PDB file of all heavy atoms in Angstrom:
ATOM      1  N   GLY A   1       6.585  -2.882   3.079  1.00  0.00           N
ATOM      2  CA  GLY A   1       7.766  -2.023   2.951  1.00  0.00           C
ATOM      3  C   GLY A   1       7.847  -1.237   1.677  1.00  0.00           C
ATOM      4  O   GLY A   1       8.219  -0.037   1.649  1.00  0.00           O
ATOM      5  N   THR A   2       7.475  -1.857   0.580  1.00  0.00           N
ATOM      6  CA  THR A   2       7.460  -1.116  -0.724  1.00  0.00           C
ATOM      7  C   THR A   2       6.439   0.013  -0.698  1.00  0.00           C
ATOM      8  O   THR A   2       6.744   1.068  -1.198  1.00  0.00           O
ATOM      9  CB  THR A   2       7.142  -2.115  -1.853  1.00  0.00           C
ATOM     10  OG1 THR A   2       8.126  -3.183  -1.886  1.00  0.00           O
ATOM     11  CG2 THR A   2       7.141  -1.440  -3.187  1.00  0.00           C
ATOM     12  N   LEU A   3       5.298  -0.255  -0.122  1.00  0.00           N
ATOM     13  CA  LEU A   3       4.218   0.785  -0.073  1.00  0.00           C
ATOM     14  C   LEU A   3       4.720   1.980   0.780  1.00  0.00           C
ATOM     15  O   LEU A   3       4.480   3.141   0.432  1.00  0.00           O
ATOM     16  CB  LEU A   3       2.939   0.238   0.461  1.00  0.00           C
ATOM     17  CG  LEU A   3       2.239  -0.836  -0.433  1.00  0.00           C
ATOM     18  CD1 LEU A   3       0.912  -1.268   0.251  1.00  0.00           C
ATOM     19  CD2 LEU A   3       1.933  -0.261  -1.808  1.00  0.00           C
ATOM     20  N   LYS A   4       5.443   1.668   1.883  1.00  0.00           N
ATOM     21  CA  LYS A   4       5.953   2.759   2.722  1.00  0.00           C
ATOM     22  C   LYS A   4       6.986   3.555   1.955  1.00  0.00           C
ATOM     23  O   LYS A   4       7.010   4.834   2.143  1.00  0.00           O
ATOM     24  CB  LYS A   4       6.577   2.121   3.958  1.00  0.00           C
ATOM     25  CG  LYS A   4       5.550   1.726   5.008  1.00  0.00           C
ATOM     26  CD  LYS A   4       6.223   1.109   6.201  1.00  0.00           C
ATOM     27  CE  LYS A   4       5.228   0.655   7.290  1.00  0.00           C
ATOM     28  NZ  LYS A   4       5.886   0.104   8.496  1.00  0.00           N
ATOM     29  N   GLN A   5       7.732   2.937   1.120  1.00  0.00           N
ATOM     30  CA  GLN A   5       8.794   3.735   0.360  1.00  0.00           C
ATOM     31  C   GLN A   5       8.026   4.677  -0.637  1.00  0.00           C
ATOM     32  O   GLN A   5       8.484   5.789  -0.859  1.00  0.00           O
ATOM     33  CB  GLN A   5       9.702   2.759  -0.424  1.00  0.00           C
ATOM     34  CG  GLN A   5      10.631   1.968   0.423  1.00  0.00           C
ATOM     35  CD  GLN A   5      11.587   1.141  -0.391  1.00  0.00           C
ATOM     36  OE1 GLN A   5      12.472   1.646  -1.043  1.00  0.00           O
ATOM     37  NE2 GLN A   5      11.340  -0.163  -0.376  1.00  0.00           N
ATOM     38  N   LEU A   6       6.963   4.204  -1.251  1.00  0.00           N
ATOM     39  CA  LEU A   6       6.217   5.047  -2.164  1.00  0.00           C
ATOM     40  C   LEU A   6       5.549   6.179  -1.410  1.00  0.00           C
ATOM     41  O   LEU A   6       5.598   7.329  -1.917  1.00  0.00           O
ATOM     42  CB  LEU A   6       5.129   4.207  -2.823  1.00  0.00           C
ATOM     43  CG  LEU A   6       5.555   3.012  -3.679  1.00  0.00           C
ATOM     44  CD1 LEU A   6       4.410   2.232  -4.223  1.00  0.00           C
ATOM     45  CD2 LEU A   6       6.461   3.559  -4.818  1.00  0.00           C
ATOM     46  N   GLY A   7       5.032   5.942  -0.207  1.00  0.00           N
ATOM     47  CA  GLY A   7       4.487   7.039   0.553  1.00  0.00           C
ATOM     48  C   GLY A   7       5.572   8.085   0.955  1.00  0.00           C
ATOM     49  O   GLY A   7       5.271   9.270   0.956  1.00  0.00           O
ATOM     50  N   ALA A   8       6.748   7.589   1.227  1.00  0.00           N
ATOM     51  CA  ALA A   8       7.833   8.506   1.575  1.00  0.00           C
ATOM     52  C   ALA A   8       8.256   9.354   0.371  1.00  0.00           C
ATOM     53  O   ALA A   8       8.792  10.481   0.600  1.00  0.00           O
ATOM     54  CB  ALA A   8       9.056   7.653   2.047  1.00  0.00           C
ATOM     55  N   LEU A   9       8.036   8.891  -0.828  1.00  0.00           N
ATOM     56  CA  LEU A   9       8.358   9.697  -2.073  1.00  0.00           C
ATOM     57  C   LEU A   9       7.303  10.714  -2.323  1.00  0.00           C
ATOM     58  O   LEU A   9       7.447  11.573  -3.181  1.00  0.00           O
ATOM     59  CB  LEU A   9       8.414   8.768  -3.237  1.00  0.00           C
ATOM     60  CG  LEU A   9       9.657   7.828  -3.349  1.00  0.00           C
ATOM     61  CD1 LEU A   9       9.626   6.983  -4.563  1.00  0.00           C
ATOM     62  CD2 LEU A   9      10.975   8.615  -3.297  1.00  0.00           C
ATOM     63  N   GLY A  10       6.174  10.668  -1.553  1.00  0.00           N
ATOM     64  CA  GLY A  10       5.099  11.623  -1.747  1.00  0.00           C
ATOM     65  C   GLY A  10       3.921  11.196  -2.506  1.00  0.00           C
ATOM     66  O   GLY A  10       2.942  11.940  -2.747  1.00  0.00           O
ATOM     67  N   TYR A  11       3.857   9.917  -2.909  1.00  0.00           N
ATOM     68  CA  TYR A  11       2.688   9.387  -3.553  1.00  0.00           C
ATOM     69  C   TYR A  11       1.545   9.289  -2.537  1.00  0.00           C
ATOM     70  O   TYR A  11       1.699   8.951  -1.413  1.00  0.00           O
ATOM     71  CB  TYR A  11       2.962   8.027  -4.205  1.00  0.00           C
ATOM     72  CG  TYR A  11       3.855   8.155  -5.464  1.00  0.00           C
ATOM     73  CD1 TYR A  11       5.227   7.966  -5.344  1.00  0.00           C
ATOM     74  CD2 TYR A  11       3.297   8.505  -6.694  1.00  0.00           C
ATOM     75  CE1 TYR A  11       6.056   8.137  -6.445  1.00  0.00           C
ATOM     76  CE2 TYR A  11       4.124   8.640  -7.808  1.00  0.00           C
ATOM     77  CZ  TYR A  11       5.475   8.474  -7.684  1.00  0.00           C
ATOM     78  OH  TYR A  11       6.297   8.613  -8.796  1.00  0.00           O
ATOM     79  N   LYS A  12       0.367   9.673  -3.030  1.00  0.00           N
ATOM     80  CA  LYS A  12      -0.858   9.723  -2.175  1.00  0.00           C
ATOM     81  C   LYS A  12      -1.874   8.693  -2.538  1.00  0.00           C
ATOM     82  O   LYS A  12      -2.567   8.157  -1.692  1.00  0.00           O
ATOM     83  CB  LYS A  12      -1.428  11.111  -2.208  1.00  0.00           C
ATOM     84  CG  LYS A  12      -0.557  12.204  -1.742  1.00  0.00           C
ATOM     85  CD  LYS A  12      -0.236  12.114  -0.256  1.00  0.00           C
ATOM     86  CE  LYS A  12       0.433  13.390   0.276  1.00  0.00           C
ATOM     87  NZ  LYS A  12       1.674  13.749  -0.403  1.00  0.00           N
ATOM     88  N   GLU A  13      -2.065   8.402  -3.868  1.00  0.00           N
ATOM     89  CA  GLU A  13      -3.088   7.522  -4.342  1.00  0.00           C
ATOM     90  C   GLU A  13      -2.366   6.429  -5.165  1.00  0.00           C
ATOM     91  O   GLU A  13      -1.367   6.672  -5.865  1.00  0.00           O
ATOM     92  CB  GLU A  13      -4.047   8.236  -5.204  1.00  0.00           C
ATOM     93  CG  GLU A  13      -4.934   9.208  -4.486  1.00  0.00           C
ATOM     94  CD  GLU A  13      -6.039   9.778  -5.366  1.00  0.00           C
ATOM     95  OE1 GLU A  13      -5.975   9.716  -6.603  1.00  0.00           O
ATOM     96  OE2 GLU A  13      -6.968  10.434  -4.767  1.00  0.00           O
ATOM     97  N   VAL A  14      -2.912   5.186  -5.079  1.00  0.00           N
ATOM     98  CA  VAL A  14      -2.375   4.087  -5.862  1.00  0.00           C
ATOM     99  C   VAL A  14      -3.493   3.308  -6.454  1.00  0.00           C
ATOM    100  O   VAL A  14      -4.633   3.379  -6.042  1.00  0.00           O
ATOM    101  CB  VAL A  14      -1.516   3.147  -4.979  1.00  0.00           C
ATOM    102  CG1 VAL A  14      -0.206   3.887  -4.543  1.00  0.00           C
ATOM    103  CG2 VAL A  14      -2.255   2.614  -3.764  1.00  0.00           C
ATOM    104  N   GLU A  15      -3.091   2.556  -7.477  1.00  0.00           N
ATOM    105  CA  GLU A  15      -4.004   1.685  -8.214  1.00  0.00           C
ATOM    106  C   GLU A  15      -3.356   0.338  -8.303  1.00  0.00           C
ATOM    107  O   GLU A  15      -2.201   0.188  -8.648  1.00  0.00           O
ATOM    108  CB  GLU A  15      -4.193   2.246  -9.630  1.00  0.00           C
ATOM    109  CG  GLU A  15      -5.110   1.498 -10.500  1.00  0.00           C
ATOM    110  CD  GLU A  15      -5.319   2.227 -11.838  1.00  0.00           C
ATOM    111  OE1 GLU A  15      -4.305   2.560 -12.468  1.00  0.00           O
ATOM    112  OE2 GLU A  15      -6.441   2.524 -12.193  1.00  0.00           O
ATOM    113  N   SER A  16      -4.156  -0.685  -7.890  1.00  0.00           N
ATOM    114  CA  SER A  16      -3.525  -2.043  -7.753  1.00  0.00           C
ATOM    115  C   SER A  16      -3.507  -2.717  -9.121  1.00  0.00           C
ATOM    116  O   SER A  16      -4.270  -2.455 -10.058  1.00  0.00           O
ATOM    117  CB  SER A  16      -4.322  -2.865  -6.787  1.00  0.00           C
ATOM    118  OG  SER A  16      -5.538  -3.312  -7.345  1.00  0.00           O
ATOM    119  N   ALA A  17      -2.535  -3.723  -9.267  1.00  0.00           N
ATOM    120  CA  ALA A  17      -2.514  -4.614 -10.369  1.00  0.00           C
ATOM    121  C   ALA A  17      -2.118  -5.963  -9.764  1.00  0.00           C
ATOM    122  O   ALA A  17      -1.147  -6.617 -10.081  1.00  0.00           O
ATOM    123  CB  ALA A  17      -1.411  -4.166 -11.364  1.00  0.00           C
ATOM    124  N   GLY A  18      -3.014  -6.383  -8.889  1.00  0.00           N
ATOM    125  CA  GLY A  18      -2.777  -7.682  -8.164  1.00  0.00           C
ATOM    126  C   GLY A  18      -2.453  -7.388  -6.675  1.00  0.00           C
ATOM    127  O   GLY A  18      -1.870  -6.374  -6.324  1.00  0.00           O
ATOM    128  N   TYR A  19      -2.884  -8.324  -5.814  1.00  0.00           N
ATOM    129  CA  TYR A  19      -2.676  -8.205  -4.337  1.00  0.00           C
ATOM    130  C   TYR A  19      -1.690  -9.171  -3.796  1.00  0.00           C
ATOM    131  O   TYR A  19      -1.442  -9.257  -2.563  1.00  0.00           O
ATOM    132  CB  TYR A  19      -3.994  -8.257  -3.650  1.00  0.00           C
ATOM    133  CG  TYR A  19      -4.908  -7.132  -4.017  1.00  0.00           C
ATOM    134  CD1 TYR A  19      -6.097  -7.315  -4.730  1.00  0.00           C
ATOM    135  CD2 TYR A  19      -4.623  -5.742  -3.613  1.00  0.00           C
ATOM    136  CE1 TYR A  19      -6.893  -6.295  -5.084  1.00  0.00           C
ATOM    137  CE2 TYR A  19      -5.470  -4.721  -4.030  1.00  0.00           C
ATOM    138  CZ  TYR A  19      -6.605  -4.987  -4.714  1.00  0.00           C
ATOM    139  OH  TYR A  19      -7.439  -3.949  -5.068  1.00  0.00           O
ATOM    140  N   PHE A  20      -1.131 -10.056  -4.611  1.00  0.00           N
ATOM    141  CA  PHE A  20      -0.029 -10.960  -4.239  1.00  0.00           C
ATOM    142  C   PHE A  20      -0.416 -11.847  -3.049  1.00  0.00           C
ATOM    143  O   PHE A  20       0.403 -11.952  -2.127  1.00  0.00           O
ATOM    144  CB  PHE A  20       1.231 -10.167  -4.020  1.00  0.00           C
ATOM    145  CG  PHE A  20       1.657  -9.296  -5.208  1.00  0.00           C
ATOM    146  CD1 PHE A  20       1.236  -7.959  -5.247  1.00  0.00           C
ATOM    147  CD2 PHE A  20       2.292  -9.802  -6.313  1.00  0.00           C
ATOM    148  CE1 PHE A  20       1.529  -7.170  -6.350  1.00  0.00           C
ATOM    149  CE2 PHE A  20       2.587  -9.036  -7.407  1.00  0.00           C
ATOM    150  CZ  PHE A  20       2.234  -7.729  -7.402  1.00  0.00           C
ATOM    151  N   HIS A  21      -1.609 -12.367  -3.075  1.00  0.00           N
ATOM    152  CA  HIS A  21      -2.084 -13.319  -2.085  1.00  0.00           C
ATOM    153  C   HIS A  21      -2.294 -12.743  -0.715  1.00  0.00           C
ATOM    154  O   HIS A  21      -2.396 -13.485   0.275  1.00  0.00           O
ATOM    155  CB  HIS A  21      -1.157 -14.584  -2.033  1.00  0.00           C
ATOM    156  CG  HIS A  21      -0.901 -15.203  -3.347  1.00  0.00           C
ATOM    157  ND1 HIS A  21      -1.911 -15.797  -4.064  1.00  0.00           N
ATOM    158  CD2 HIS A  21       0.225 -15.278  -4.090  1.00  0.00           C
ATOM    159  CE1 HIS A  21      -1.387 -16.308  -5.199  1.00  0.00           C
ATOM    160  NE2 HIS A  21      -0.101 -15.948  -5.272  1.00  0.00           N
ATOM    161  N   HIS A  22      -2.357 -11.424  -0.556  1.00  0.00           N
ATOM    162  CA  HIS A  22      -2.622 -10.836   0.723  1.00  0.00           C
ATOM    163  C   HIS A  22      -4.150 -10.722   0.949  1.00  0.00           C
ATOM    164  O   HIS A  22      -4.932 -10.554   0.002  1.00  0.00           O
ATOM    165  CB  HIS A  22      -2.027  -9.434   0.791  1.00  0.00           C
ATOM    166  CG  HIS A  22      -0.515  -9.426   0.872  1.00  0.00           C
ATOM    167  ND1 HIS A  22       0.213  -9.802   1.977  1.00  0.00           N
ATOM    168  CD2 HIS A  22       0.444  -9.133  -0.092  1.00  0.00           C
ATOM    169  CE1 HIS A  22       1.520  -9.708   1.692  1.00  0.00           C
ATOM    170  NE2 HIS A  22       1.634  -9.291   0.493  1.00  0.00           N
ATOM    171  N   SER A  23      -4.505 -10.879   2.203  1.00  0.00           N
ATOM    172  CA  SER A  23      -5.956 -10.721   2.532  1.00  0.00           C
ATOM    173  C   SER A  23      -6.327  -9.232   2.461  1.00  0.00           C
ATOM    174  O   SER A  23      -5.466  -8.305   2.441  1.00  0.00           O
ATOM    175  CB  SER A  23      -6.188 -11.240   3.935  1.00  0.00           C
ATOM    176  OG  SER A  23      -5.556 -10.349   4.902  1.00  0.00           O
ATOM    177  N   ALA A  24      -7.632  -8.977   2.445  1.00  0.00           N
ATOM    178  CA  ALA A  24      -8.109  -7.617   2.405  1.00  0.00           C
ATOM    179  C   ALA A  24      -7.626  -6.847   3.640  1.00  0.00           C
ATOM    180  O   ALA A  24      -7.220  -5.695   3.536  1.00  0.00           O
ATOM    181  CB  ALA A  24      -9.619  -7.596   2.284  1.00  0.00           C
ATOM    182  N   ALA A  25      -7.672  -7.498   4.799  1.00  0.00           N
ATOM    183  CA  ALA A  25      -7.229  -6.867   6.040  1.00  0.00           C
ATOM    184  C   ALA A  25      -5.693  -6.460   5.940  1.00  0.00           C
ATOM    185  O   ALA A  25      -5.317  -5.411   6.389  1.00  0.00           O
ATOM    186  CB  ALA A  25      -7.480  -7.783   7.202  1.00  0.00           C
ATOM    187  N   GLU A  26      -4.910  -7.340   5.340  1.00  0.00           N
ATOM    188  CA  GLU A  26      -3.470  -7.088   5.234  1.00  0.00           C
ATOM    189  C   GLU A  26      -3.220  -5.895   4.328  1.00  0.00           C
ATOM    190  O   GLU A  26      -2.377  -5.072   4.517  1.00  0.00           O
ATOM    191  CB  GLU A  26      -2.769  -8.355   4.754  1.00  0.00           C
ATOM    192  CG  GLU A  26      -2.635  -9.453   5.796  1.00  0.00           C
ATOM    193  CD  GLU A  26      -2.169 -10.757   5.229  1.00  0.00           C
ATOM    194  OE1 GLU A  26      -2.260 -10.973   3.956  1.00  0.00           O
ATOM    195  OE2 GLU A  26      -1.707 -11.593   6.003  1.00  0.00           O
ATOM    196  N   VAL A  27      -3.964  -5.906   3.155  1.00  0.00           N
ATOM    197  CA  VAL A  27      -3.802  -4.823   2.173  1.00  0.00           C
ATOM    198  C   VAL A  27      -4.199  -3.499   2.836  1.00  0.00           C
ATOM    199  O   VAL A  27      -3.494  -2.497   2.683  1.00  0.00           O
ATOM    200  CB  VAL A  27      -4.631  -5.086   0.939  1.00  0.00           C
ATOM    201  CG1 VAL A  27      -4.604  -3.875  -0.010  1.00  0.00           C
ATOM    202  CG2 VAL A  27      -4.096  -6.342   0.195  1.00  0.00           C
ATOM    203  N   LYS A  28      -5.344  -3.488   3.504  1.00  0.00           N
ATOM    204  CA  LYS A  28      -5.819  -2.218   4.104  1.00  0.00           C
ATOM    205  C   LYS A  28      -4.804  -1.726   5.139  1.00  0.00           C
ATOM    206  O   LYS A  28      -4.547  -0.536   5.206  1.00  0.00           O
ATOM    207  CB  LYS A  28      -7.157  -2.484   4.795  1.00  0.00           C
ATOM    208  CG  LYS A  28      -8.294  -2.626   3.803  1.00  0.00           C
ATOM    209  CD  LYS A  28      -9.590  -2.948   4.569  1.00  0.00           C
ATOM    210  CE  LYS A  28     -10.163  -1.821   5.297  1.00  0.00           C
ATOM    211  NZ  LYS A  28     -11.543  -2.066   5.823  1.00  0.00           N
ATOM    212  N   GLN A  29      -4.219  -2.584   5.957  1.00  0.00           N
ATOM    213  CA  GLN A  29      -3.296  -2.165   6.969  1.00  0.00           C
ATOM    214  C   GLN A  29      -2.034  -1.602   6.318  1.00  0.00           C
ATOM    215  O   GLN A  29      -1.472  -0.615   6.713  1.00  0.00           O
ATOM    216  CB  GLN A  29      -2.962  -3.328   7.878  1.00  0.00           C
ATOM    217  CG  GLN A  29      -2.095  -2.949   9.101  1.00  0.00           C
ATOM    218  CD  GLN A  29      -2.803  -1.982   9.977  1.00  0.00           C
ATOM    219  OE1 GLN A  29      -3.928  -2.260  10.486  1.00  0.00           O
ATOM    220  NE2 GLN A  29      -2.244  -0.804  10.261  1.00  0.00           N
ATOM    221  N   ALA A  30      -1.567  -2.277   5.282  1.00  0.00           N
ATOM    222  CA  ALA A  30      -0.327  -1.821   4.575  1.00  0.00           C
ATOM    223  C   ALA A  30      -0.584  -0.503   3.965  1.00  0.00           C
ATOM    224  O   ALA A  30       0.323   0.389   4.014  1.00  0.00           O
ATOM    225  CB  ALA A  30       0.077  -2.886   3.551  1.00  0.00           C
ATOM    226  N   MET A  31      -1.663  -0.278   3.338  1.00  0.00           N
ATOM    227  CA  MET A  31      -2.024   1.003   2.753  1.00  0.00           C
ATOM    228  C   MET A  31      -2.112   2.097   3.777  1.00  0.00           C
ATOM    229  O   MET A  31      -1.527   3.204   3.621  1.00  0.00           O
ATOM    230  CB  MET A  31      -3.328   0.959   1.956  1.00  0.00           C
ATOM    231  CG  MET A  31      -3.301   0.038   0.762  1.00  0.00           C
ATOM    232  SD  MET A  31      -2.342   0.733  -0.619  1.00  0.00           S
ATOM    233  CE  MET A  31      -2.308  -0.644  -1.729  1.00  0.00           C
ATOM    234  N   ALA A  32      -2.717   1.807   4.924  1.00  0.00           N
ATOM    235  CA  ALA A  32      -2.859   2.815   5.951  1.00  0.00           C
ATOM    236  C   ALA A  32      -1.506   3.167   6.572  1.00  0.00           C
ATOM    237  O   ALA A  32      -1.184   4.355   6.808  1.00  0.00           O
ATOM    238  CB  ALA A  32      -3.743   2.271   7.087  1.00  0.00           C
ATOM    239  N   ASP A  33      -0.655   2.146   6.781  1.00  0.00           N
ATOM    240  CA  ASP A  33       0.633   2.409   7.345  1.00  0.00           C
ATOM    241  C   ASP A  33       1.576   3.220   6.400  1.00  0.00           C
ATOM    242  O   ASP A  33       2.405   3.977   6.867  1.00  0.00           O
ATOM    243  CB  ASP A  33       1.344   1.086   7.661  1.00  0.00           C
ATOM    244  CG  ASP A  33       0.738   0.294   8.789  1.00  0.00           C
ATOM    245  OD1 ASP A  33      -0.101   0.922   9.517  1.00  0.00           O
ATOM    246  OD2 ASP A  33       1.059  -0.918   8.938  1.00  0.00           O
ATOM    247  N   ALA A  34       1.319   3.128   5.093  1.00  0.00           N
ATOM    248  CA  ALA A  34       2.075   3.839   4.126  1.00  0.00           C
ATOM    249  C   ALA A  34       1.463   5.200   3.830  1.00  0.00           C
ATOM    250  O   ALA A  34       2.103   6.021   3.099  1.00  0.00           O
ATOM    251  CB  ALA A  34       2.185   3.051   2.824  1.00  0.00           C
ATOM    252  N   GLY A  35       0.284   5.495   4.320  1.00  0.00           N
ATOM    253  CA  GLY A  35      -0.368   6.769   4.078  1.00  0.00           C
ATOM    254  C   GLY A  35      -0.897   6.852   2.628  1.00  0.00           C
ATOM    255  O   GLY A  35      -1.010   7.937   2.081  1.00  0.00           O
ATOM    256  N   LEU A  36      -1.305   5.719   2.080  1.00  0.00           N
ATOM    257  CA  LEU A  36      -1.767   5.688   0.705  1.00  0.00           C
ATOM    258  C   LEU A  36      -3.264   5.385   0.649  1.00  0.00           C
ATOM    259  O   LEU A  36      -3.772   4.613   1.416  1.00  0.00           O
ATOM    260  CB  LEU A  36      -0.981   4.556  -0.069  1.00  0.00           C
ATOM    261  CG  LEU A  36       0.500   4.726  -0.199  1.00  0.00           C
ATOM    262  CD1 LEU A  36       1.122   3.490  -0.837  1.00  0.00           C
ATOM    263  CD2 LEU A  36       0.827   5.975  -1.054  1.00  0.00           C
TER     264      LEU A  36
END
């Protein structure tokens, strides 16, 4: 949900500082859903 809010603000690229125990598949899906 946080990533989607960032995408809605117009952010296109992001840089991580931790993945908060999410799997690679979960991170990839969240990024894709947010358009990041």
